[in-house]
C-alpha cells in the first residue's frame, strides 16, 4: 500500500489495488478501498496488521 502525505492533513492513496491489499482488507476489515485517510485512522489500521 502506498500513500502520499498531503500537507500533514491527510494521506492520499497512490496505489491501484492488489491481491495482497484485497486479502488484508477481507481478513482484517481494514477498509483499504478509500482514496483519503486521516493520520490517526491509518495508524489504527496499521496496528491491526502488525
N, C-alpha and C. Protein backbone atom coordinates (compact mmCIF):
# COMPACT_ATOMS: atom_id res chain seq x y z
N UNK A 1 0.86 -1.17 0.00
CA UNK A 1 0.00 0.00 0.00
C UNK A 1 0.90 1.22 0.00
N UNK A 2 0.65 2.11 -0.91
CA UNK A 2 1.41 3.35 -0.98
C UNK A 2 0.46 4.53 -0.77
N UNK A 3 0.89 5.47 0.06
CA UNK A 3 0.12 6.68 0.30
C UNK A 3 1.05 7.88 0.24
N UNK A 4 0.47 9.04 -0.05
CA UNK A 4 1.23 10.29 -0.09
C UNK A 4 0.69 11.21 1.01
N UNK A 5 1.61 11.84 1.72
CA UNK A 5 1.25 12.77 2.78
C UNK A 5 0.83 14.09 2.13
N UNK A 6 -0.37 14.57 2.47
CA UNK A 6 -0.87 15.82 1.91
C UNK A 6 -0.84 16.87 3.01
N UNK A 7 0.25 17.63 3.05
CA UNK A 7 0.44 18.75 3.98
C UNK A 7 0.12 18.39 5.42
N UNK A 8 0.46 17.20 5.84
CA UNK A 8 0.24 16.71 7.21
C UNK A 8 -1.23 16.75 7.63
N UNK A 9 -2.13 16.87 6.66
CA UNK A 9 -3.56 16.90 6.96
C UNK A 9 -4.19 15.52 6.76
N UNK A 10 -3.78 14.84 5.72
CA UNK A 10 -4.33 13.52 5.42
C UNK A 10 -3.36 12.78 4.50
N UNK A 11 -3.68 11.52 4.28
CA UNK A 11 -2.91 10.70 3.35
C UNK A 11 -3.81 10.34 2.17
N UNK A 12 -3.24 10.40 0.98
CA UNK A 12 -3.98 10.03 -0.22
C UNK A 12 -3.39 8.73 -0.76
N UNK A 13 -4.24 7.78 -1.05
CA UNK A 13 -3.76 6.52 -1.59
C UNK A 13 -3.23 6.74 -3.01
N UNK A 14 -2.09 6.10 -3.30
CA UNK A 14 -1.49 6.22 -4.62
C UNK A 14 -1.39 4.86 -5.29
N UNK A 15 -2.03 3.85 -4.72
CA UNK A 15 -1.99 2.50 -5.25
C UNK A 15 -3.28 2.20 -6.01
N UNK A 16 -3.22 1.25 -6.88
CA UNK A 16 -4.40 0.89 -7.67
C UNK A 16 -5.02 -0.41 -7.18
N UNK A 17 -4.52 -0.94 -6.11
CA UNK A 17 -5.05 -2.18 -5.55
C UNK A 17 -4.17 -3.36 -5.91
N UNK A 18 -4.29 -4.39 -5.12
CA UNK A 18 -3.52 -5.60 -5.37
C UNK A 18 -4.22 -6.75 -4.66
N UNK A 19 -3.78 -7.95 -4.96
CA UNK A 19 -4.35 -9.12 -4.31
C UNK A 19 -4.02 -9.11 -2.82
N UNK A 20 -2.86 -8.61 -2.46
CA UNK A 20 -2.46 -8.55 -1.05
C UNK A 20 -3.36 -7.59 -0.29
N UNK A 21 -3.58 -6.39 -0.83
CA UNK A 21 -4.46 -5.42 -0.16
C UNK A 21 -5.88 -5.97 -0.04
N UNK A 22 -6.35 -6.63 -1.07
CA UNK A 22 -7.69 -7.21 -1.05
C UNK A 22 -7.79 -8.29 0.03
N UNK A 23 -6.77 -9.13 0.13
CA UNK A 23 -6.76 -10.18 1.14
C UNK A 23 -6.69 -9.61 2.56
N UNK A 24 -5.84 -8.60 2.78
CA UNK A 24 -5.74 -7.96 4.09
C UNK A 24 -7.06 -7.30 4.46
N UNK A 25 -7.67 -6.64 3.51
CA UNK A 25 -8.94 -5.98 3.75
C UNK A 25 -10.00 -6.99 4.15
N UNK A 26 -10.04 -8.12 3.48
CA UNK A 26 -11.02 -9.16 3.80
C UNK A 26 -10.74 -9.80 5.16
N UNK A 27 -9.48 -10.04 5.45
CA UNK A 27 -9.12 -10.72 6.70
C UNK A 27 -9.29 -9.83 7.93
N UNK A 28 -8.94 -8.56 7.81
CA UNK A 28 -8.94 -7.68 8.97
C UNK A 28 -10.03 -6.60 8.93
N UNK A 29 -10.78 -6.51 7.84
CA UNK A 29 -11.82 -5.48 7.74
C UNK A 29 -11.26 -4.08 7.83
N UNK A 30 -10.20 -3.81 7.10
CA UNK A 30 -9.48 -2.55 7.24
C UNK A 30 -10.06 -1.38 6.47
N UNK A 31 -10.85 -1.62 5.46
CA UNK A 31 -11.38 -0.52 4.67
C UNK A 31 -10.30 0.16 3.85
N UNK A 32 -9.51 -0.63 3.15
CA UNK A 32 -8.39 -0.09 2.37
C UNK A 32 -8.80 0.35 0.98
N UNK A 33 -10.07 0.58 0.76
CA UNK A 33 -10.55 0.93 -0.56
C UNK A 33 -10.89 2.41 -0.70
N UNK A 34 -10.40 3.22 0.20
CA UNK A 34 -10.69 4.65 0.16
C UNK A 34 -9.57 5.42 -0.51
N UNK A 35 -9.87 6.64 -0.90
CA UNK A 35 -8.88 7.50 -1.55
C UNK A 35 -8.09 8.31 -0.51
N UNK A 36 -8.75 8.75 0.57
CA UNK A 36 -8.10 9.59 1.58
C UNK A 36 -8.25 8.97 2.96
N UNK A 37 -7.23 9.16 3.79
CA UNK A 37 -7.21 8.64 5.16
C UNK A 37 -6.68 9.71 6.10
N UNK A 38 -7.28 9.80 7.27
CA UNK A 38 -6.74 10.67 8.31
C UNK A 38 -5.57 9.96 8.96
N UNK A 39 -4.53 10.68 9.41
CA UNK A 39 -3.36 10.03 10.00
C UNK A 39 -3.70 9.08 11.16
N UNK A 40 -4.55 9.50 12.09
CA UNK A 40 -4.91 8.64 13.22
C UNK A 40 -5.59 7.37 12.74
N UNK A 41 -6.47 7.51 11.78
CA UNK A 41 -7.21 6.38 11.26
C UNK A 41 -6.29 5.37 10.57
N UNK A 42 -5.35 5.87 9.79
CA UNK A 42 -4.43 5.00 9.09
C UNK A 42 -3.50 4.28 10.06
N UNK A 43 -3.06 4.96 11.11
CA UNK A 43 -2.21 4.34 12.12
C UNK A 43 -2.94 3.19 12.83
N UNK A 44 -4.22 3.37 13.11
CA UNK A 44 -5.01 2.30 13.73
C UNK A 44 -5.09 1.08 12.83
N UNK A 45 -5.26 1.33 11.53
CA UNK A 45 -5.35 0.22 10.59
C UNK A 45 -4.02 -0.54 10.52
N UNK A 46 -2.92 0.18 10.55
CA UNK A 46 -1.61 -0.46 10.51
C UNK A 46 -1.35 -1.28 11.75
N UNK A 47 -1.80 -0.80 12.90
CA UNK A 47 -1.61 -1.54 14.15
C UNK A 47 -2.37 -2.86 14.14
N UNK A 48 -3.50 -2.91 13.44
CA UNK A 48 -4.26 -4.16 13.34
C UNK A 48 -3.47 -5.23 12.60
N UNK A 49 -2.67 -4.79 11.63
CA UNK A 49 -1.90 -5.74 10.82
C UNK A 49 -0.63 -6.18 11.53
N UNK A 50 0.05 -5.23 12.13
CA UNK A 50 1.34 -5.52 12.76
C UNK A 50 1.12 -5.67 14.23
